[in-house]
N, C-alpha and C. Protein backbone atom coordinates (compact mmCIF):
# COMPACT_ATOMS: atom_id res chain seq x y z
N MET A 1 -8.17 11.99 -26.90
CA MET A 1 -7.32 11.01 -26.25
C MET A 1 -7.89 9.62 -26.50
N ASP A 2 -7.00 8.68 -26.63
CA ASP A 2 -7.35 7.28 -26.83
C ASP A 2 -8.09 6.76 -25.60
N PRO A 3 -9.26 6.13 -25.77
CA PRO A 3 -10.02 5.63 -24.62
C PRO A 3 -9.23 4.63 -23.76
N ALA A 4 -8.43 3.80 -24.38
CA ALA A 4 -7.64 2.83 -23.62
C ALA A 4 -6.60 3.55 -22.76
N ALA A 5 -5.97 4.56 -23.31
CA ALA A 5 -4.97 5.34 -22.56
C ALA A 5 -5.65 6.10 -21.43
N GLU A 6 -6.82 6.64 -21.71
CA GLU A 6 -7.55 7.37 -20.68
C GLU A 6 -7.97 6.44 -19.54
N ASN A 7 -8.42 5.24 -19.89
CA ASN A 7 -8.77 4.25 -18.85
C ASN A 7 -7.56 3.89 -18.00
N GLU A 8 -6.42 3.73 -18.63
CA GLU A 8 -5.19 3.40 -17.89
C GLU A 8 -4.81 4.53 -16.94
N GLN A 9 -4.94 5.77 -17.40
CA GLN A 9 -4.64 6.92 -16.54
C GLN A 9 -5.58 6.96 -15.34
N LEU A 10 -6.84 6.67 -15.57
CA LEU A 10 -7.82 6.66 -14.47
C LEU A 10 -7.50 5.56 -13.46
N ARG A 11 -7.13 4.38 -13.94
CA ARG A 11 -6.75 3.28 -13.05
C ARG A 11 -5.53 3.66 -12.21
N GLU A 12 -4.55 4.27 -12.85
CA GLU A 12 -3.35 4.68 -12.14
C GLU A 12 -3.66 5.74 -11.09
N ALA A 13 -4.53 6.68 -11.43
CA ALA A 13 -4.91 7.73 -10.48
C ALA A 13 -5.62 7.14 -9.27
N LEU A 14 -6.52 6.18 -9.50
CA LEU A 14 -7.23 5.54 -8.39
C LEU A 14 -6.28 4.74 -7.52
N SER A 15 -5.34 4.07 -8.14
CA SER A 15 -4.35 3.30 -7.39
C SER A 15 -3.47 4.23 -6.55
N SER A 16 -3.04 5.33 -7.15
CA SER A 16 -2.22 6.30 -6.42
C SER A 16 -2.97 6.86 -5.23
N ARG A 17 -4.22 7.18 -5.44
CA ARG A 17 -5.03 7.75 -4.36
C ARG A 17 -5.15 6.76 -3.20
N ALA A 18 -5.35 5.49 -3.51
CA ALA A 18 -5.49 4.49 -2.46
C ALA A 18 -4.22 4.38 -1.62
N VAL A 19 -3.07 4.34 -2.27
CA VAL A 19 -1.82 4.19 -1.52
C VAL A 19 -1.52 5.46 -0.73
N ILE A 20 -1.87 6.62 -1.26
CA ILE A 20 -1.66 7.88 -0.53
C ILE A 20 -2.56 7.90 0.71
N GLU A 21 -3.79 7.45 0.58
CA GLU A 21 -4.70 7.40 1.74
C GLU A 21 -4.18 6.43 2.80
N GLN A 22 -3.65 5.29 2.37
CA GLN A 22 -3.08 4.33 3.31
C GLN A 22 -1.89 4.95 4.05
N ALA A 23 -1.02 5.61 3.31
CA ALA A 23 0.15 6.25 3.91
C ALA A 23 -0.28 7.35 4.89
N LYS A 24 -1.30 8.12 4.52
CA LYS A 24 -1.81 9.15 5.43
C LYS A 24 -2.25 8.52 6.74
N GLY A 25 -2.96 7.42 6.65
CA GLY A 25 -3.41 6.73 7.86
C GLY A 25 -2.26 6.27 8.72
N MET A 26 -1.20 5.79 8.10
CA MET A 26 -0.04 5.33 8.85
C MET A 26 0.66 6.51 9.53
N VAL A 27 0.79 7.61 8.82
CA VAL A 27 1.41 8.80 9.41
C VAL A 27 0.55 9.33 10.55
N MET A 28 -0.76 9.31 10.37
CA MET A 28 -1.66 9.76 11.44
C MET A 28 -1.46 8.91 12.69
N LEU A 29 -1.33 7.62 12.51
CA LEU A 29 -1.14 6.70 13.64
C LEU A 29 0.18 6.97 14.34
N VAL A 30 1.24 7.10 13.56
CA VAL A 30 2.57 7.28 14.13
C VAL A 30 2.72 8.64 14.81
N ARG A 31 2.22 9.69 14.15
CA ARG A 31 2.43 11.04 14.66
C ARG A 31 1.28 11.54 15.53
N GLY A 32 0.16 10.82 15.52
CA GLY A 32 -0.99 11.26 16.29
C GLY A 32 -1.52 12.59 15.78
N CYS A 33 -1.59 12.72 14.46
CA CYS A 33 -2.00 13.99 13.86
C CYS A 33 -3.26 13.80 13.02
N SER A 34 -3.76 14.90 12.50
CA SER A 34 -4.96 14.87 11.66
C SER A 34 -4.61 14.41 10.25
N ALA A 35 -5.66 14.11 9.48
CA ALA A 35 -5.46 13.71 8.08
C ALA A 35 -4.80 14.83 7.29
N ARG A 36 -5.20 16.05 7.56
CA ARG A 36 -4.61 17.20 6.85
C ARG A 36 -3.11 17.31 7.17
N GLU A 37 -2.76 17.16 8.44
CA GLU A 37 -1.35 17.25 8.84
C GLU A 37 -0.55 16.09 8.25
N ALA A 38 -1.13 14.90 8.23
CA ALA A 38 -0.44 13.73 7.66
C ALA A 38 -0.17 13.94 6.18
N PHE A 39 -1.16 14.48 5.47
CA PHE A 39 -0.96 14.75 4.05
C PHE A 39 0.14 15.78 3.85
N ALA A 40 0.16 16.80 4.71
CA ALA A 40 1.21 17.82 4.62
C ALA A 40 2.59 17.21 4.84
N VAL A 41 2.70 16.24 5.75
CA VAL A 41 3.97 15.56 5.99
C VAL A 41 4.41 14.83 4.73
N LEU A 42 3.49 14.08 4.13
CA LEU A 42 3.83 13.34 2.91
C LEU A 42 4.23 14.28 1.77
N VAL A 43 3.52 15.38 1.63
CA VAL A 43 3.85 16.35 0.59
C VAL A 43 5.23 16.96 0.85
N ALA A 44 5.51 17.28 2.12
CA ALA A 44 6.82 17.86 2.45
C ALA A 44 7.94 16.89 2.13
N VAL A 45 7.76 15.62 2.48
CA VAL A 45 8.77 14.61 2.17
C VAL A 45 8.95 14.52 0.66
N SER A 46 7.85 14.52 -0.06
CA SER A 46 7.91 14.44 -1.52
C SER A 46 8.69 15.61 -2.11
N GLN A 47 8.37 16.81 -1.65
CA GLN A 47 9.03 17.99 -2.20
C GLN A 47 10.50 18.07 -1.80
N GLN A 48 10.80 17.75 -0.54
CA GLN A 48 12.19 17.84 -0.07
C GLN A 48 13.08 16.79 -0.70
N SER A 49 12.49 15.64 -1.03
CA SER A 49 13.30 14.56 -1.59
C SER A 49 13.21 14.50 -3.12
N ASN A 50 12.35 15.37 -3.69
CA ASN A 50 12.14 15.39 -5.14
C ASN A 50 11.70 14.01 -5.65
N VAL A 51 10.78 13.40 -4.88
CA VAL A 51 10.21 12.10 -5.22
C VAL A 51 8.70 12.29 -5.32
N LYS A 52 8.08 11.67 -6.30
CA LYS A 52 6.64 11.80 -6.47
C LYS A 52 5.91 11.36 -5.21
N LEU A 53 4.82 12.05 -4.93
CA LEU A 53 4.03 11.77 -3.73
C LEU A 53 3.60 10.31 -3.67
N ARG A 54 3.15 9.77 -4.78
CA ARG A 54 2.71 8.37 -4.76
C ARG A 54 3.86 7.43 -4.44
N ASP A 55 5.08 7.78 -4.85
CA ASP A 55 6.24 6.94 -4.55
C ASP A 55 6.61 7.02 -3.07
N VAL A 56 6.52 8.20 -2.49
CA VAL A 56 6.76 8.35 -1.05
C VAL A 56 5.72 7.52 -0.30
N ALA A 57 4.47 7.63 -0.71
CA ALA A 57 3.39 6.88 -0.06
C ALA A 57 3.62 5.37 -0.18
N THR A 58 4.09 4.94 -1.34
CA THR A 58 4.35 3.52 -1.55
C THR A 58 5.42 3.01 -0.60
N VAL A 59 6.46 3.80 -0.39
CA VAL A 59 7.53 3.41 0.55
C VAL A 59 6.99 3.32 1.97
N VAL A 60 6.20 4.29 2.37
CA VAL A 60 5.64 4.29 3.73
C VAL A 60 4.75 3.06 3.93
N VAL A 61 3.88 2.79 2.97
CA VAL A 61 2.98 1.64 3.08
C VAL A 61 3.77 0.33 3.04
N ALA A 62 4.74 0.24 2.16
CA ALA A 62 5.54 -0.99 2.08
C ALA A 62 6.30 -1.23 3.37
N THR A 63 6.82 -0.18 3.96
CA THR A 63 7.55 -0.33 5.22
C THR A 63 6.62 -0.84 6.31
N GLY A 64 5.45 -0.24 6.39
CA GLY A 64 4.49 -0.68 7.39
C GLY A 64 3.99 -2.08 7.13
N SER A 65 3.81 -2.43 5.86
CA SER A 65 3.30 -3.74 5.49
C SER A 65 4.35 -4.84 5.69
N ALA A 66 5.61 -4.46 5.65
CA ALA A 66 6.68 -5.45 5.79
C ALA A 66 6.93 -5.83 7.25
N THR A 67 6.26 -5.16 8.16
CA THR A 67 6.45 -5.45 9.57
C THR A 67 5.66 -6.69 9.95
N GLU A 68 6.08 -7.31 11.02
CA GLU A 68 5.41 -8.50 11.52
C GLU A 68 4.02 -8.14 12.03
N PRO A 69 3.03 -9.02 11.86
CA PRO A 69 1.69 -8.72 12.34
C PRO A 69 1.62 -8.42 13.83
N GLY A 70 2.44 -9.07 14.63
CA GLY A 70 2.40 -8.88 16.07
C GLY A 70 3.31 -7.77 16.56
N LEU A 71 3.84 -6.98 15.64
CA LEU A 71 4.76 -5.90 16.01
C LEU A 71 4.03 -4.86 16.85
N SER A 72 4.71 -4.38 17.87
CA SER A 72 4.09 -3.37 18.73
C SER A 72 3.88 -2.08 17.96
N ASP A 73 2.95 -1.26 18.45
CA ASP A 73 2.71 0.03 17.81
C ASP A 73 3.98 0.87 17.79
N ALA A 74 4.75 0.81 18.87
CA ALA A 74 5.98 1.61 18.94
C ALA A 74 6.98 1.16 17.88
N ASP A 75 7.14 -0.17 17.70
CA ASP A 75 8.07 -0.67 16.70
C ASP A 75 7.59 -0.37 15.28
N ALA A 76 6.27 -0.48 15.06
CA ALA A 76 5.72 -0.14 13.75
C ALA A 76 5.93 1.34 13.47
N GLY A 77 5.75 2.17 14.50
CA GLY A 77 5.97 3.61 14.35
C GLY A 77 7.40 3.92 14.00
N ARG A 78 8.34 3.21 14.64
CA ARG A 78 9.75 3.43 14.33
C ARG A 78 10.06 3.06 12.88
N ALA A 79 9.46 1.98 12.40
CA ALA A 79 9.70 1.55 11.02
C ALA A 79 9.20 2.60 10.02
N VAL A 80 8.02 3.14 10.28
CA VAL A 80 7.48 4.15 9.37
C VAL A 80 8.29 5.43 9.46
N ARG A 81 8.67 5.84 10.68
CA ARG A 81 9.51 7.03 10.82
C ARG A 81 10.84 6.86 10.10
N ALA A 82 11.42 5.68 10.17
CA ALA A 82 12.68 5.43 9.48
C ALA A 82 12.52 5.60 7.97
N ALA A 83 11.40 5.10 7.44
CA ALA A 83 11.16 5.25 6.00
C ALA A 83 11.00 6.71 5.62
N LEU A 84 10.30 7.48 6.45
CA LEU A 84 10.14 8.90 6.18
C LEU A 84 11.47 9.62 6.27
N CYS A 85 12.25 9.29 7.29
CA CYS A 85 13.55 9.95 7.48
C CYS A 85 14.51 9.62 6.34
N ALA A 86 14.41 8.42 5.83
CA ALA A 86 15.28 8.04 4.71
C ALA A 86 15.02 8.92 3.51
N HIS A 87 13.78 9.34 3.33
CA HIS A 87 13.46 10.22 2.20
C HIS A 87 13.82 11.67 2.49
N LEU A 88 13.90 12.02 3.75
CA LEU A 88 14.27 13.39 4.10
C LEU A 88 15.77 13.60 3.99
N GLY A 89 16.51 12.49 4.05
CA GLY A 89 17.96 12.60 3.95
C GLY A 89 18.51 12.92 5.26
């Protein structure tokens, strides 16, 4: 494999992992669940919606990041749940 291509794949994998970890944390906060359960939620959404896990995670993180800094935990939770539900159909 071309070293440049391999480096790009490694960068993409690290980036995907970071966003998945962020999304797991958001799901844990909203659902009050463990890291394992949060990951299972993200995987289930990915499989049910036929969307790559990193893309589901990106939507969850973007939704949470788009909220106002002073937003209440309940309102932030609703925003993340809405993003998850949108992928569930």
